[in-house]
Amino acid sequence: MFGECHAHLAMDGINYKQAMMRHVKSPDVRHIRTCFEAYQAKGVTFVRDGGDAYGVSHCASHIASEYGIDYRTPIFAIHEQGNYGSIVGRPFTSMREYAALVDEADALGADFIKIMTTGIMDFNEYGRITHHNLPAPTIREMVHIAHEKGFAVMSHTNGKRAVLDAIEAGVDSVEHGNYIDDECIAALAESRTCYVPTATVARNLIGCGQFPDEVLKRIVDTSYENIAKAIDAGCLVALGSDAGAVGVPHGQGILDEYACFAAAMPNRERLEEALTQGEAFIRTTFSRAL
């Protein structure tokens, strides 16, 4: 069974605002245990979290071994003040503040650093990304600071230009990576950056009535095309469902993500080979700085 390379234990897959409210005073340990039980039931023994603002993943890191789960976390994601990311982490207004947050994550036992370089998809409008992109020089400096401290960098990034900037900056994984094109895929293939597309999110929203299905289906079709192209090009790819996001349950989410990859790449042998290589990279690279 492949591992879950992008999850948020703080969320419940139903309503992220309500889920976060249960952790405001302190992490809800019962919820964390329920999540780990769901992974255990599905035979998932590796989970890489995307962080949160309330110490949930920090708490989870001390519980995971009870369930036989190798759990990796950035503790919290780091985002530019006023830009997207407050739901999963902490803000900075200067490189000095960013560096201080990296040090804080280090002191708390982070396994890697997660940065937010763009917003998220607007599920009402194909091609639109919310918020603005961080400038390329800023991303390069953020990655440099994290790497100098011995950390791998997980980058929440969407959109062609932003993905190219993240790859050029040397991020170790691009999460989501929606609306990439052939130029991005070529850049990924030439890099050591792993592509974690989280295709399940849009797929599982189809039919919920919250967003136009025609937009969601177009997003899914584009994701499948890019997954197939990435595997054909020899890019590093890994399974991460964004478990905890609306419509993506913990445990089941990674099975749904595998189904997305299988739909995109029917050649099972090639698919398994690519995913095995990608997950090995994630497990090896996103480990605690020594």
Protein backbone atom coordinates (compact mmCIF):
# COMPACT_ATOMS: atom_id res chain seq x y z
CA MET A 1 0.00 0.00 0.00
CA PHE A 2 1.35 3.43 -0.96
CA GLY A 3 1.62 6.15 1.64
CA GLU A 4 -0.33 9.41 1.92
CA CYS A 5 2.09 12.14 0.84
CA HIS A 6 -0.18 15.14 1.44
CA ALA A 7 -2.67 15.24 4.30
CA HIS A 8 -3.98 17.65 6.92
CA LEU A 9 -4.88 15.85 10.13
CA ALA A 10 -6.34 19.07 11.53
CA MET A 11 -9.20 18.83 8.99
CA ASP A 12 -11.98 16.26 8.78
CA GLY A 13 -12.95 16.08 5.09
CA ILE A 14 -16.35 17.62 5.81
CA ASN A 15 -16.16 21.25 6.90
CA TYR A 16 -12.72 22.77 7.43
CA LYS A 17 -13.97 25.77 9.42
CA GLN A 18 -15.84 23.60 11.92
CA ALA A 19 -12.92 21.18 12.01
CA MET A 20 -10.49 23.94 12.88
CA MET A 21 -12.75 25.26 15.63
CA ARG A 22 -12.32 22.03 17.59
CA HIS A 23 -8.59 22.73 17.84
CA VAL A 24 -8.65 26.42 18.82
CA LYS A 25 -8.05 25.88 22.54
CA SER A 26 -5.87 22.80 22.09
CA PRO A 27 -5.49 19.98 19.56
CA ASP A 28 -8.38 17.53 19.65
CA VAL A 29 -6.56 14.29 20.43
CA ARG A 30 -9.67 12.19 19.84
CA HIS A 31 -9.89 13.55 16.29
CA ILE A 32 -6.19 12.83 15.69
CA ARG A 33 -6.61 9.25 16.87
CA THR A 34 -9.67 8.81 14.66
CA CYS A 35 -7.60 9.89 11.66
CA PHE A 36 -4.79 7.48 12.48
CA GLU A 37 -7.29 4.68 12.97
CA ALA A 38 -8.65 5.41 9.48
CA TYR A 39 -5.15 5.13 7.99
CA GLN A 40 -4.42 2.01 9.97
CA ALA A 41 -7.65 0.41 8.69
CA LYS A 42 -6.58 1.06 5.09
CA GLY A 43 -3.08 -0.29 5.63
CA VAL A 44 -1.41 3.10 5.23
CA THR A 45 1.84 3.29 7.20
CA PHE A 46 3.30 6.56 5.89
CA VAL A 47 1.65 10.00 6.18
CA ARG A 48 3.20 13.36 5.26
CA ASP A 49 1.19 16.25 6.70
CA GLY A 50 0.92 19.75 5.26
CA GLY A 51 0.80 21.46 8.64
CA ASP A 52 -1.74 23.61 10.48
CA ALA A 53 -2.03 26.72 12.59
CA TYR A 54 -3.13 25.08 15.86
CA GLY A 55 -0.43 22.55 16.73
CA VAL A 56 -2.46 19.55 15.59
CA SER A 57 0.26 17.99 13.45
CA HIS A 58 2.80 18.70 16.20
CA CYS A 59 0.62 16.76 18.62
CA ALA A 60 0.03 14.03 16.03
CA SER A 61 3.78 13.52 15.62
CA HIS A 62 3.92 12.21 19.19
CA ILE A 63 1.02 9.79 18.68
CA ALA A 64 1.60 8.32 15.21
CA SER A 65 3.99 5.58 16.30
CA GLU A 66 1.25 4.03 18.44
CA TYR A 67 -0.50 3.21 15.16
CA GLY A 68 2.58 2.00 13.33
CA ILE A 69 2.61 5.11 11.15
CA ASP A 70 5.71 6.91 9.93
CA TYR A 71 4.44 10.48 10.18
CA ARG A 72 6.22 13.55 8.79
CA THR A 73 5.20 17.15 9.44
CA PRO A 74 6.38 20.73 8.88
CA ILE A 75 4.46 21.59 12.09
CA PHE A 76 3.03 24.65 10.32
CA ALA A 77 3.18 26.02 6.78
CA ILE A 78 4.72 29.45 6.21
CA HIS A 79 2.94 32.08 4.12
CA GLU A 80 3.32 35.75 3.30
CA GLN A 81 1.17 38.00 5.49
CA GLY A 82 -2.07 38.76 3.64
CA ASN A 83 -1.59 35.97 1.12
CA TYR A 84 -3.17 32.52 1.16
CA GLY A 85 -2.14 30.16 3.96
CA SER A 86 -3.55 31.25 7.32
CA ILE A 87 -5.64 28.07 7.49
CA VAL A 88 -2.51 25.92 7.62
CA GLY A 89 0.20 28.03 9.16
CA ARG A 90 2.02 31.14 10.20
CA PRO A 91 2.70 34.45 8.38
CA PHE A 92 5.84 36.46 7.71
CA THR A 93 6.36 40.03 6.51
CA SER A 94 10.13 39.94 5.96
CA MET A 95 12.90 37.42 5.34
CA ARG A 96 14.03 37.95 8.91
CA GLU A 97 10.60 36.85 10.15
CA TYR A 98 10.58 33.93 7.71
CA ALA A 99 13.97 32.75 8.96
CA ALA A 100 12.71 33.00 12.54
CA LEU A 101 9.74 30.79 11.65
CA VAL A 102 12.08 28.22 10.10
CA ASP A 103 14.05 28.25 13.36
CA GLU A 104 10.84 27.85 15.35
CA ALA A 105 9.73 24.90 13.23
CA ASP A 106 13.18 23.41 13.75
CA ALA A 107 12.92 23.81 17.51
CA LEU A 108 9.50 22.12 17.51
CA GLY A 109 10.84 19.11 15.64
CA ALA A 110 9.69 19.78 12.07
CA ASP A 111 10.71 17.16 9.51
CA PHE A 112 10.70 19.69 6.65
CA ILE A 113 9.56 23.20 5.77
CA LYS A 114 6.35 23.95 3.88
CA ILE A 115 5.94 27.23 2.01
CA MET A 116 2.89 28.74 0.32
CA THR A 117 3.77 30.52 -2.93
CA THR A 118 0.28 30.97 -4.44
CA GLY A 119 -3.38 30.76 -3.61
CA ILE A 120 -5.71 27.89 -4.49
CA MET A 121 -7.88 27.06 -7.48
CA ASP A 122 -11.15 28.90 -7.91
CA PHE A 123 -13.49 25.96 -8.51
CA ASN A 124 -16.03 28.33 -10.04
CA GLU A 125 -13.71 29.50 -12.84
CA TYR A 126 -11.34 27.26 -14.78
CA GLY A 127 -7.77 28.54 -14.82
CA ARG A 128 -8.14 31.08 -12.03
CA ILE A 129 -5.88 30.97 -8.97
CA THR A 130 -6.81 33.00 -5.91
CA HIS A 131 -4.43 35.56 -4.36
CA HIS A 132 -1.10 36.54 -5.90
CA ASN A 133 2.12 34.66 -6.61
CA LEU A 134 5.19 35.29 -4.51
CA PRO A 135 8.00 36.86 -6.55
CA ALA A 136 10.63 34.44 -7.83
CA PRO A 137 13.48 36.09 -5.82
CA THR A 138 11.44 35.70 -2.62
CA ILE A 139 10.87 32.00 -3.29
CA ARG A 140 14.55 31.46 -4.02
CA GLU A 141 15.53 33.08 -0.73
CA MET A 142 12.93 31.08 1.22
CA VAL A 143 14.18 27.81 -0.26
CA HIS A 144 17.80 28.80 0.32
CA ILE A 145 17.19 29.56 4.00
CA ALA A 146 15.39 26.25 4.56
CA HIS A 147 18.02 24.24 2.69
CA GLU A 148 20.80 25.92 4.63
CA LYS A 149 19.14 24.66 7.81
CA GLY A 150 19.09 21.13 6.38
CA PHE A 151 15.38 21.00 5.53
CA ALA A 152 13.62 19.82 2.39
CA VAL A 153 10.94 22.21 1.10
CA MET A 154 7.33 21.31 0.31
CA SER A 155 5.78 24.04 -1.85
CA HIS A 156 2.04 24.72 -2.18
CA THR A 157 2.01 26.10 -5.71
CA ASN A 158 -0.50 26.47 -8.55
CA GLY A 159 -0.24 27.91 -12.04
CA LYS A 160 2.38 27.58 -14.79
CA ARG A 161 4.59 30.56 -13.96
CA ALA A 162 4.51 29.90 -10.23
CA VAL A 163 5.40 26.23 -10.68
CA LEU A 164 8.32 27.13 -12.92
CA ASP A 165 9.52 29.65 -10.32
CA ALA A 166 9.27 27.02 -7.57
CA ILE A 167 11.20 24.43 -9.59
CA GLU A 168 13.88 26.95 -10.49
CA ALA A 169 14.15 27.89 -6.80
CA GLY A 170 14.90 24.26 -5.99
CA VAL A 171 11.83 23.20 -4.00
CA ASP A 172 11.81 19.48 -3.25
CA SER A 173 8.13 18.97 -4.00
CA VAL A 174 5.38 20.91 -5.75
CA GLU A 175 1.99 20.29 -4.17
CA HIS A 176 -1.15 20.59 -6.29
CA GLY A 177 0.60 22.15 -9.30
CA ASN A 178 -2.66 22.82 -11.11
CA TYR A 179 -2.62 24.23 -14.65
CA ILE A 180 0.94 23.22 -15.45
CA ASP A 181 1.87 22.72 -19.11
CA ASP A 182 4.50 20.92 -21.19
CA GLU A 183 7.16 23.47 -20.25
CA CYS A 184 6.55 22.78 -16.56
CA ILE A 185 6.65 19.03 -17.11
CA ALA A 186 9.96 19.33 -18.97
CA ALA A 187 11.34 21.41 -16.10
CA LEU A 188 10.12 18.82 -13.57
CA ALA A 189 11.74 16.02 -15.55
CA GLU A 190 15.08 17.83 -15.52
CA SER A 191 14.86 18.61 -11.79
CA ARG A 192 14.80 16.72 -8.51
CA THR A 193 11.40 18.21 -7.65
CA CYS A 194 8.57 15.75 -6.97
CA TYR A 195 5.09 16.50 -8.37
CA VAL A 196 2.21 15.74 -5.94
CA PRO A 197 -0.95 16.74 -7.87
CA THR A 198 -3.75 16.00 -5.33
CA ALA A 199 -6.19 15.31 -8.18
CA THR A 200 -8.75 13.79 -5.81
CA VAL A 201 -9.95 17.13 -4.46
CA ALA A 202 -11.67 18.29 -7.65
CA ARG A 203 -12.80 14.77 -8.58
CA ASN A 204 -14.56 14.23 -5.26
CA LEU A 205 -16.36 17.58 -5.48
CA ILE A 206 -18.13 16.60 -8.71
CA GLY A 207 -21.84 16.27 -8.05
CA CYS A 208 -21.77 18.00 -4.64
CA GLY A 209 -23.64 21.01 -6.02
CA GLN A 210 -21.23 23.50 -4.49
CA PHE A 211 -19.35 24.25 -7.72
CA PRO A 212 -20.15 23.93 -11.45
CA ASP A 213 -19.56 20.33 -12.48
CA GLU A 214 -18.38 21.39 -15.93
CA VAL A 215 -15.54 23.36 -14.32
CA LEU A 216 -14.64 20.52 -11.96
CA LYS A 217 -14.63 17.95 -14.77
CA ARG A 218 -12.39 20.16 -16.87
CA ILE A 219 -9.97 20.55 -13.95
CA VAL A 220 -9.93 16.76 -13.45
CA ASP A 221 -9.36 16.08 -17.14
CA THR A 222 -6.43 18.52 -17.15
CA SER A 223 -4.98 16.89 -14.02
CA TYR A 224 -5.17 13.44 -15.60
CA GLU A 225 -3.48 14.68 -18.77
CA ASN A 226 -0.65 16.22 -16.75
CA ILE A 227 -0.22 13.12 -14.57
CA ALA A 228 0.13 10.94 -17.68
CA LYS A 229 2.57 13.36 -19.29
CA ALA A 230 4.63 13.62 -16.10
CA ILE A 231 4.95 9.84 -15.77
CA ASP A 232 5.80 9.49 -19.48
CA ALA A 233 8.45 12.20 -19.11
CA GLY A 234 10.07 10.43 -16.17
CA CYS A 235 9.18 13.06 -13.57
CA LEU A 236 9.16 12.19 -9.89
CA VAL A 237 5.49 11.83 -8.90
CA ALA A 238 3.85 10.79 -5.63
CA LEU A 239 0.39 10.13 -4.24
CA GLY A 240 -1.06 12.82 -2.01
CA SER A 241 -4.81 13.35 -1.78
CA ASP A 242 -4.96 16.48 0.40
CA ALA A 243 -6.80 14.28 2.88
CA GLY A 244 -8.88 16.34 5.26
CA ALA A 245 -9.96 18.76 2.52
CA VAL A 246 -13.69 18.85 1.84
CA GLY A 247 -14.75 15.57 0.26
CA VAL A 248 -11.44 13.81 0.93
CA PRO A 249 -11.63 11.52 3.99
CA HIS A 250 -8.51 10.42 5.83
CA GLY A 251 -7.55 6.90 4.83
CA GLN A 252 -9.88 6.66 1.85
CA GLY A 253 -8.36 9.75 0.25
CA ILE A 254 -5.16 8.00 -0.80
CA LEU A 255 -7.15 5.17 -2.40
CA ASP A 256 -9.08 7.80 -4.35
CA GLU A 257 -5.84 9.45 -5.43
CA TYR A 258 -4.46 6.14 -6.65
CA ALA A 259 -7.67 5.70 -8.67
CA CYS A 260 -7.03 9.10 -10.27
CA PHE A 261 -3.50 8.08 -11.23
CA ALA A 262 -4.74 4.73 -12.55
CA ALA A 263 -7.32 6.51 -14.71
CA ALA A 264 -4.59 8.79 -16.05
CA MET A 265 -2.03 6.01 -16.58
CA PRO A 266 -3.67 2.63 -17.44
CA ASN A 267 -0.27 0.94 -17.80
CA ARG A 268 -0.21 -0.51 -14.29
CA GLU A 269 3.42 -1.59 -14.34
CA ARG A 270 4.61 1.84 -15.40
CA LEU A 271 2.34 3.50 -12.84
CA GLU A 272 3.55 1.34 -9.96
CA GLU A 273 7.18 1.91 -10.91
CA ALA A 274 6.72 5.69 -11.02
CA LEU A 275 4.84 5.85 -7.72
CA THR A 276 7.33 3.59 -5.96
CA GLN A 277 10.20 5.81 -7.07
CA GLY A 278 8.36 9.01 -6.12
CA GLU A 279 7.38 7.81 -2.67
CA ALA A 280 10.92 6.58 -2.00
CA PHE A 281 12.11 10.10 -2.80
CA ILE A 282 9.55 11.66 -0.47
CA ARG A 283 10.37 9.29 2.39
CA THR A 284 14.11 9.83 2.01
CA THR A 285 14.11 13.58 1.37
CA PHE A 286 11.43 14.81 3.77
CA SER A 287 13.04 13.62 6.95
CA ARG A 288 14.13 15.38 10.10
CA ALA A 289 17.15 17.63 9.64
CA LEU A 290 20.19 16.22 11.42
